[in-house]
C-alpha cells in the first residue's frame, strides 16, 4: 500500500510517526534556539559563536553512538535529548562563564540528537513511505527551529531556555515511550514490521534457535533408533 496515510494506518504506527516527528521538532528547537541565543550569552559574541560552531564535530561523533550495537537508536536519542534538556535548564540558573558553558553543552547535545534521529527516523519507516516520512520529520524540524527563533526574539532568555529544556525533556520521554528500538533489525518493508523493530530480529533468532534445537533432537533420535536396530 502506498501513500503517507500508511504512516497513520494503525494506532501503533501513528504513535511512532507522531513521536519521531515531535522529536525532530524538539531537535530543531533546541539546536537553533541555543545557536540563535549566542548574542545574549555572557562573554564575547565572536568567541561564543566560534565555540558553538566548533562543538558541532564532537556532537556529531557523540550522536554516532546511535550506530553502536551496544547502545542502539532509542536510548542514544533519548540520552542526547535529556542532556540537551539538563544543559539548557542550567543556563537559566547559572551566570557568567558557567552559563555560557551550559549553553555550549546544550548545543553539543542538540547536534548529537540531530545526528541520531536521521538514522533512527529512516529505520522506523516502512520502505514505500520512508522518503516521505523522513521528509515530514525534516519539515517538523523547520517548525521547531522557526519557533525557537521567535522565542529568542520575543521572550527573555530565562523563558526561552526554560521552554527549550522542558521540550528536550518531553522529547526524551516521548522517545522512550512512543518509539521502538530498531538496533540490528532489517529495514522494515511493511507497517507490521515497522512496529516491531528489534523485537522482530529477536523473534527470528529465537525461531531459528528453536528450529536448530528441534533438528538436533530429530537427528539424535534417528541416531538412537539406528543404534537400537
C-alpha atoms as a PDB file:
ATOM      1  CA  UNK A   1       0.000   0.000   0.000  1.00  0.00           C
ATOM      2  CA  UNK A   2       1.309   3.440  -0.959  1.00  0.00           C
ATOM      3  CA  UNK A   3       0.738   6.939   0.406  1.00  0.00           C
ATOM      4  CA  UNK A   4       1.688   8.871   3.511  1.00  0.00           C
ATOM      5  CA  UNK A   5      -1.570   7.787   5.143  1.00  0.00           C
ATOM      6  CA  UNK A   6       0.036   4.385   5.757  1.00  0.00           C
ATOM      7  CA  UNK A   7       2.148   6.043   8.460  1.00  0.00           C
ATOM      8  CA  UNK A   8      -1.088   6.569  10.409  1.00  0.00           C
ATOM      9  CA  UNK A   9      -2.872   3.370   9.348  1.00  0.00           C
ATOM     10  CA  UNK A  10      -2.671   1.727  12.785  1.00  0.00           C
ATOM     11  CA  UNK A  11      -2.635   3.167  16.293  1.00  0.00           C
ATOM     12  CA  UNK A  12       0.919   1.934  16.964  1.00  0.00           C
ATOM     13  CA  UNK A  13       2.276   3.213  13.646  1.00  0.00           C
ATOM     14  CA  UNK A  14       0.552   6.556  14.196  1.00  0.00           C
ATOM     15  CA  UNK A  15       2.182   6.796  17.635  1.00  0.00           C
ATOM     16  CA  UNK A  16       5.603   6.079  16.144  1.00  0.00           C
ATOM     17  CA  UNK A  17       5.102   8.637  13.370  1.00  0.00           C
ATOM     18  CA  UNK A  18       3.829  11.329  15.731  1.00  0.00           C
ATOM     19  CA  UNK A  19       6.595  10.548  18.211  1.00  0.00           C
ATOM     20  CA  UNK A  20       9.516  10.762  15.796  1.00  0.00           C
ATOM     21  CA  UNK A  21       8.174  13.932  14.122  1.00  0.00           C
ATOM     22  CA  UNK A  22       7.806  15.566  17.548  1.00  0.00           C
ATOM     23  CA  UNK A  23      11.365  14.550  18.432  1.00  0.00           C
ATOM     24  CA  UNK A  24      12.614  16.168  15.220  1.00  0.00           C
ATOM     25  CA  UNK A  25      10.735  19.367  16.076  1.00  0.00           C
ATOM     26  CA  UNK A  26      12.373  19.431  19.504  1.00  0.00           C
ATOM     27  CA  UNK A  27      15.800  18.828  17.955  1.00  0.00           C
ATOM     28  CA  UNK A  28      15.291  21.815  15.674  1.00  0.00           C
ATOM     29  CA  UNK A  29      14.069  23.976  18.540  1.00  0.00           C
ATOM     30  CA  UNK A  30      16.967  23.208  20.886  1.00  0.00           C
ATOM     31  CA  UNK A  31      19.684  23.262  18.231  1.00  0.00           C
ATOM     32  CA  UNK A  32      18.716  26.559  16.616  1.00  0.00           C
ATOM     33  CA  UNK A  33      17.437  28.074  19.855  1.00  0.00           C
ATOM     34  CA  UNK A  34      20.825  27.797  21.532  1.00  0.00           C
ATOM     35  CA  UNK A  35      22.595  28.879  18.355  1.00  0.00           C
ATOM     36  CA  UNK A  36      20.438  31.988  17.936  1.00  0.00           C
ATOM     37  CA  UNK A  37      20.944  32.936  21.599  1.00  0.00           C
ATOM     38  CA  UNK A  38      24.700  33.387  21.218  1.00  0.00           C
ATOM     39  CA  UNK A  39      24.386  37.169  21.356  1.00  0.00           C
ATOM     40  CA  UNK A  40      22.503  37.023  24.662  1.00  0.00           C
ATOM     41  CA  UNK A  41      25.034  34.845  26.475  1.00  0.00           C
ATOM     42  CA  UNK A  42      27.797  36.261  28.701  1.00  0.00           C
ATOM     43  CA  UNK A  43      31.174  36.828  27.058  1.00  0.00           C
ATOM     44  CA  UNK A  44      32.315  37.811  23.599  1.00  0.00           C
ATOM     45  CA  UNK A  45      29.767  37.263  20.834  1.00  0.00           C
ATOM     46  CA  UNK A  46      32.514  36.213  18.413  1.00  0.00           C
ATOM     47  CA  UNK A  47      34.150  33.762  20.817  1.00  0.00           C
ATOM     48  CA  UNK A  48      30.815  32.265  21.812  1.00  0.00           C
ATOM     49  CA  UNK A  49      29.727  31.871  18.185  1.00  0.00           C
ATOM     50  CA  UNK A  50      33.043  30.216  17.283  1.00  0.00           C
ATOM     51  CA  UNK A  51      32.797  27.785  20.208  1.00  0.00           C
ATOM     52  CA  UNK A  52      29.187  26.924  19.364  1.00  0.00           C
ATOM     53  CA  UNK A  53      30.333  26.150  15.821  1.00  0.00           C
ATOM     54  CA  UNK A  54      33.292  24.021  16.938  1.00  0.00           C
ATOM     55  CA  UNK A  55      31.208  21.741  19.160  1.00  0.00           C
ATOM     56  CA  UNK A  56      29.373  20.522  16.063  1.00  0.00           C
ATOM     57  CA  UNK A  57      32.035  17.883  15.353  1.00  0.00           C
ATOM     58  CA  UNK A  58      32.151  16.272  18.817  1.00  0.00           C
ATOM     59  CA  UNK A  59      28.353  16.480  18.858  1.00  0.00           C
ATOM     60  CA  UNK A  60      28.124  14.538  15.602  1.00  0.00           C
ATOM     61  CA  UNK A  61      30.628  11.971  16.885  1.00  0.00           C
ATOM     62  CA  UNK A  62      28.596  11.588  20.075  1.00  0.00           C
ATOM     63  CA  UNK A  63      25.436  11.158  18.033  1.00  0.00           C
ATOM     64  CA  UNK A  64      27.203   8.456  16.012  1.00  0.00           C
ATOM     65  CA  UNK A  65      26.849   6.206  19.074  1.00  0.00           C
ATOM     66  CA  UNK A  66      23.393   5.548  17.628  1.00  0.00           C
ATOM     67  CA  UNK A  67      25.092   3.072  15.279  1.00  0.00           C
ATOM     68  CA  UNK A  68      26.922   1.251  18.080  1.00  0.00           C
ATOM     69  CA  UNK A  69      25.392  -2.190  18.700  1.00  0.00           C
ATOM     70  CA  UNK A  70      25.644  -1.777  22.471  1.00  0.00           C
ATOM     71  CA  UNK A  71      23.675   1.465  22.714  1.00  0.00           C
ATOM     72  CA  UNK A  72      21.209   1.368  19.830  1.00  0.00           C
ATOM     73  CA  UNK A  73      18.960   4.088  18.468  1.00  0.00           C
ATOM     74  CA  UNK A  74      16.313   4.626  21.120  1.00  0.00           C
ATOM     75  CA  UNK A  75      18.435   5.142  24.216  1.00  0.00           C
ATOM     76  CA  UNK A  76      21.107   7.154  22.387  1.00  0.00           C
ATOM     77  CA  UNK A  77      18.480   9.569  21.079  1.00  0.00           C
ATOM     78  CA  UNK A  78      16.759   9.947  24.456  1.00  0.00           C
ATOM     79  CA  UNK A  79      20.111  10.392  26.241  1.00  0.00           C
ATOM     80  CA  UNK A  80      21.127  13.175  23.842  1.00  0.00           C
ATOM     81  CA  UNK A  81      17.799  14.926  24.364  1.00  0.00           C
ATOM     82  CA  UNK A  82      17.994  14.522  28.142  1.00  0.00           C
ATOM     83  CA  UNK A  83      21.490  16.060  28.134  1.00  0.00           C
ATOM     84  CA  UNK A  84      20.250  18.946  25.984  1.00  0.00           C
ATOM     85  CA  UNK A  85      17.349  19.434  28.402  1.00  0.00           C
ATOM     86  CA  UNK A  86      19.541  19.476  31.506  1.00  0.00           C
ATOM     87  CA  UNK A  87      22.057  21.855  29.904  1.00  0.00           C
ATOM     88  CA  UNK A  88      19.518  24.393  28.705  1.00  0.00           C
ATOM     89  CA  UNK A  89      17.744  24.379  32.073  1.00  0.00           C
ATOM     90  CA  UNK A  90      21.103  25.035  33.771  1.00  0.00           C
ATOM     91  CA  UNK A  91      21.523  28.122  31.589  1.00  0.00           C
ATOM     92  CA  UNK A  92      18.550  29.617  33.453  1.00  0.00           C
ATOM     93  CA  UNK A  93      20.131  29.253  36.918  1.00  0.00           C
ATOM     94  CA  UNK A  94      23.829  29.842  36.163  1.00  0.00           C
ATOM     95  CA  UNK A  95      25.738  33.053  35.496  1.00  0.00           C
ATOM     96  CA  UNK A  96      28.830  34.147  33.641  1.00  0.00           C
ATOM     97  CA  UNK A  97      31.156  31.567  32.119  1.00  0.00           C
ATOM     98  CA  UNK A  98      29.164  28.685  33.645  1.00  0.00           C
ATOM     99  CA  UNK A  99      26.035  29.889  31.858  1.00  0.00           C
ATOM    100  CA  UNK A 100      27.818  30.018  28.507  1.00  0.00           C
ATOM    101  CA  UNK A 101      29.402  26.602  29.131  1.00  0.00           C
ATOM    102  CA  UNK A 102      25.989  25.071  29.811  1.00  0.00           C
ATOM    103  CA  UNK A 103      24.689  26.552  26.554  1.00  0.00           C
ATOM    104  CA  UNK A 104      27.671  25.068  24.680  1.00  0.00           C
ATOM    105  CA  UNK A 105      26.920  21.620  26.109  1.00  0.00           C
ATOM    106  CA  UNK A 106      23.288  22.096  25.098  1.00  0.00           C
ATOM    107  CA  UNK A 107      24.362  22.868  21.525  1.00  0.00           C
ATOM    108  CA  UNK A 108      26.617  19.790  21.513  1.00  0.00           C
ATOM    109  CA  UNK A 109      23.755  17.596  22.726  1.00  0.00           C
ATOM    110  CA  UNK A 110      21.401  19.148  20.168  1.00  0.00           C
ATOM    111  CA  UNK A 111      23.836  18.361  17.349  1.00  0.00           C
ATOM    112  CA  UNK A 112      24.213  14.806  18.662  1.00  0.00           C
ATOM    113  CA  UNK A 113      20.434  14.339  18.786  1.00  0.00           C
ATOM    114  CA  UNK A 114      20.127  15.582  15.205  1.00  0.00           C
ATOM    115  CA  UNK A 115      22.750  13.070  14.046  1.00  0.00           C
ATOM    116  CA  UNK A 116      20.913  10.276  15.856  1.00  0.00           C
ATOM    117  CA  UNK A 117      17.405  10.998  14.585  1.00  0.00           C
ATOM    118  CA  UNK A 118      18.478  10.990  10.936  1.00  0.00           C
ATOM    119  CA  UNK A 119      19.405   7.317  11.289  1.00  0.00           C
ATOM    120  CA  UNK A 120      16.551   6.489  13.651  1.00  0.00           C
ATOM    121  CA  UNK A 121      13.750   8.020  11.566  1.00  0.00           C
ATOM    122  CA  UNK A 122      14.737   6.120   8.417  1.00  0.00           C
ATOM    123  CA  UNK A 123      14.713   2.820  10.303  1.00  0.00           C
ATOM    124  CA  UNK A 124      11.259   3.460  11.778  1.00  0.00           C
ATOM    125  CA  UNK A 125       9.523   3.969   8.416  1.00  0.00           C
ATOM    126  CA  UNK A 126       8.267   1.262   6.008  1.00  0.00           C
ATOM    127  CA  UNK A 127      10.084   1.133   2.678  1.00  0.00           C
ATOM    128  CA  UNK A 128       7.451   2.766   0.458  1.00  0.00           C
ATOM    129  CA  UNK A 129       6.852   5.585   2.954  1.00  0.00           C
ATOM    130  CA  UNK A 130      10.463   6.099   4.109  1.00  0.00           C
ATOM    131  CA  UNK A 131      11.321   9.090   1.936  1.00  0.00           C
ATOM    132  CA  UNK A 132       8.044  10.872   2.653  1.00  0.00           C
ATOM    133  CA  UNK A 133       8.275  10.041   6.355  1.00  0.00           C
ATOM    134  CA  UNK A 134      11.771  11.442   6.767  1.00  0.00           C
ATOM    135  CA  UNK A 135      10.681  14.459   4.729  1.00  0.00           C
ATOM    136  CA  UNK A 136       7.806  15.116   7.151  1.00  0.00           C
ATOM    137  CA  UNK A 137      10.261  14.825  10.047  1.00  0.00           C
ATOM    138  CA  UNK A 138      12.571  17.345   8.391  1.00  0.00           C
ATOM    139  CA  UNK A 139       9.691  19.776   7.919  1.00  0.00           C
ATOM    140  CA  UNK A 140       8.785  19.458  11.599  1.00  0.00           C
ATOM    141  CA  UNK A 141      12.385  20.314  12.477  1.00  0.00           C
ATOM    142  CA  UNK A 142      11.924  23.525  10.481  1.00  0.00           C
ATOM    143  CA  UNK A 143       8.804  24.259  12.517  1.00  0.00           C
ATOM    144  CA  UNK A 144      10.789  23.768  15.705  1.00  0.00           C
ATOM    145  CA  UNK A 145      13.628  25.997  14.535  1.00  0.00           C
ATOM    146  CA  UNK A 146      11.188  28.733  13.487  1.00  0.00           C
ATOM    147  CA  UNK A 147       9.507  28.564  16.896  1.00  0.00           C
ATOM    148  CA  UNK A 148      12.910  28.828  18.595  1.00  0.00           C
ATOM    149  CA  UNK A 149      13.831  31.888  16.550  1.00  0.00           C
ATOM    150  CA  UNK A 150      10.573  33.560  17.536  1.00  0.00           C
ATOM    151  CA  UNK A 151      11.073  32.737  21.206  1.00  0.00           C
ATOM    152  CA  UNK A 152      14.622  34.112  21.261  1.00  0.00           C
ATOM    153  CA  UNK A 153      13.411  37.322  19.617  1.00  0.00           C
ATOM    154  CA  UNK A 154      10.342  37.903  21.784  1.00  0.00           C
ATOM    155  CA  UNK A 155      10.745  36.488  25.285  1.00  0.00           C
ATOM    156  CA  UNK A 156      13.549  36.816  27.883  1.00  0.00           C
ATOM    157  CA  UNK A 157      16.371  34.278  27.842  1.00  0.00           C
ATOM    158  CA  UNK A 158      15.196  32.661  31.061  1.00  0.00           C
ATOM    159  CA  UNK A 159      11.827  31.910  29.483  1.00  0.00           C
ATOM    160  CA  UNK A 160      13.185  30.684  26.156  1.00  0.00           C
ATOM    161  CA  UNK A 161      15.802  28.394  27.711  1.00  0.00           C
ATOM    162  CA  UNK A 162      13.215  27.027  30.137  1.00  0.00           C
ATOM    163  CA  UNK A 163      10.999  26.148  27.178  1.00  0.00           C
ATOM    164  CA  UNK A 164      13.950  24.559  25.359  1.00  0.00           C
ATOM    165  CA  UNK A 165      14.779  22.493  28.442  1.00  0.00           C
ATOM    166  CA  UNK A 166      11.230  21.299  29.030  1.00  0.00           C
ATOM    167  CA  UNK A 167      10.820  20.490  25.341  1.00  0.00           C
ATOM    168  CA  UNK A 168      14.031  18.430  25.418  1.00  0.00           C
ATOM    169  CA  UNK A 169      12.834  16.537  28.481  1.00  0.00           C
ATOM    170  CA  UNK A 170       9.497  15.813  26.827  1.00  0.00           C
ATOM    171  CA  UNK A 171      11.314  14.691  23.677  1.00  0.00           C
ATOM    172  CA  UNK A 172      13.392  12.213  25.704  1.00  0.00           C
ATOM    173  CA  UNK A 173      10.243  10.826  27.348  1.00  0.00           C
ATOM    174  CA  UNK A 174       8.432  10.512  24.016  1.00  0.00           C
ATOM    175  CA  UNK A 175      11.413   8.647  22.569  1.00  0.00           C
ATOM    176  CA  UNK A 176      11.360   6.123  25.397  1.00  0.00           C
ATOM    177  CA  UNK A 177       7.583   5.671  25.477  1.00  0.00           C
ATOM    178  CA  UNK A 178       6.357   6.027  21.888  1.00  0.00           C
ATOM    179  CA  UNK A 179       9.202   4.677  19.746  1.00  0.00           C
ATOM    180  CA  UNK A 180      10.582   1.181  19.221  1.00  0.00           C
ATOM    181  CA  UNK A 181      14.217   0.097  19.198  1.00  0.00           C
ATOM    182  CA  UNK A 182      15.492  -0.713  15.704  1.00  0.00           C
ATOM    183  CA  UNK A 183      19.031  -1.806  16.567  1.00  0.00           C
ATOM    184  CA  UNK A 184      20.182  -4.710  14.404  1.00  0.00           C
ATOM    185  CA  UNK A 185      16.804  -5.170  12.701  1.00  0.00           C
ATOM    186  CA  UNK A 186      16.496  -5.151   8.879  1.00  0.00           C
ATOM    187  CA  UNK A 187      14.855  -2.075   7.378  1.00  0.00           C
ATOM    188  CA  UNK A 188      11.072  -2.595   7.613  1.00  0.00           C
ATOM    189  CA  UNK A 189       9.106  -3.156   4.422  1.00  0.00           C
ATOM    190  CA  UNK A 190       5.630  -3.039   5.967  1.00  0.00           C
ATOM    191  CA  UNK A 191       3.823  -1.401   8.875  1.00  0.00           C
ATOM    192  CA  UNK A 192       3.698  -4.761  10.656  1.00  0.00           C
ATOM    193  CA  UNK A 193       7.493  -4.961  10.529  1.00  0.00           C
ATOM    194  CA  UNK A 194       7.973  -1.293  11.443  1.00  0.00           C
ATOM    195  CA  UNK A 195       6.021  -1.508  14.689  1.00  0.00           C
ATOM    196  CA  UNK A 196       8.068  -4.487  15.860  1.00  0.00           C
ATOM    197  CA  UNK A 197      11.543  -3.005  15.474  1.00  0.00           C
ATOM    198  CA  UNK A 198      14.272  -5.122  17.036  1.00  0.00           C
ATOM    199  CA  UNK A 199      11.629  -7.435  18.527  1.00  0.00           C
ATOM    200  CA  UNK A 200      11.284  -8.882  15.022  1.00  0.00           C
ATOM    201  CA  UNK A 201      15.008  -9.671  14.985  1.00  0.00           C
ATOM    202  CA  UNK A 202      14.845 -11.316  18.407  1.00  0.00           C
ATOM    203  CA  UNK A 203      11.817 -13.359  17.338  1.00  0.00           C
ATOM    204  CA  UNK A 204      13.552 -14.578  14.177  1.00  0.00           C
ATOM    205  CA  UNK A 205      16.663 -15.530  16.156  1.00  0.00           C
ATOM    206  CA  UNK A 206      14.544 -17.378  18.701  1.00  0.00           C
ATOM    207  CA  UNK A 207      12.706 -19.213  15.924  1.00  0.00           C
ATOM    208  CA  UNK A 208      15.994 -20.147  14.279  1.00  0.00           C
ATOM    209  CA  UNK A 209      17.376 -21.327  17.609  1.00  0.00           C
ATOM    210  CA  UNK A 210      14.272 -23.412  18.307  1.00  0.00           C
ATOM    211  CA  UNK A 211      14.469 -24.853  14.818  1.00  0.00           C
ATOM    212  CA  UNK A 212      18.094 -25.832  15.374  1.00  0.00           C
ATOM    213  CA  UNK A 213      17.195 -27.474  18.670  1.00  0.00           C
ATOM    214  CA  UNK A 214      14.348 -29.423  17.059  1.00  0.00           C
ATOM    215  CA  UNK A 215      16.579 -30.501  14.176  1.00  0.00           C
ATOM    216  CA  UNK A 216      19.307 -31.632  16.557  1.00  0.00           C
ATOM    217  CA  UNK A 217      16.782 -33.580  18.650  1.00  0.00           C
ATOM    218  CA  UNK A 218      15.455 -35.263  15.495  1.00  0.00           C
ATOM    219  CA  UNK A 219      18.959 -36.262  14.415  1.00  0.00           C
ATOM    220  CA  UNK A 220      19.776 -37.647  17.871  1.00  0.00           C
ATOM    221  CA  UNK A 221      16.514 -39.581  17.915  1.00  0.00           C
ATOM    222  CA  UNK A 222      17.214 -41.042  14.483  1.00  0.00           C
ATOM    223  CA  UNK A 223      20.752 -41.978  15.505  1.00  0.00           C
ATOM    224  CA  UNK A 224      19.441 -43.740  18.624  1.00  0.00           C
ATOM    225  CA  UNK A 225      16.885 -45.668  16.573  1.00  0.00           C
ATOM    226  CA  UNK A 226      19.556 -46.862  14.116  1.00  0.00           C
ATOM    227  CA  UNK A 227      21.794 -47.919  17.004  1.00  0.00           C
ATOM    228  CA  UNK A 228      18.942 -49.901  18.539  1.00  0.00           C
ATOM    229  CA  UNK A 229      18.307 -51.674  15.243  1.00  0.00           C
END
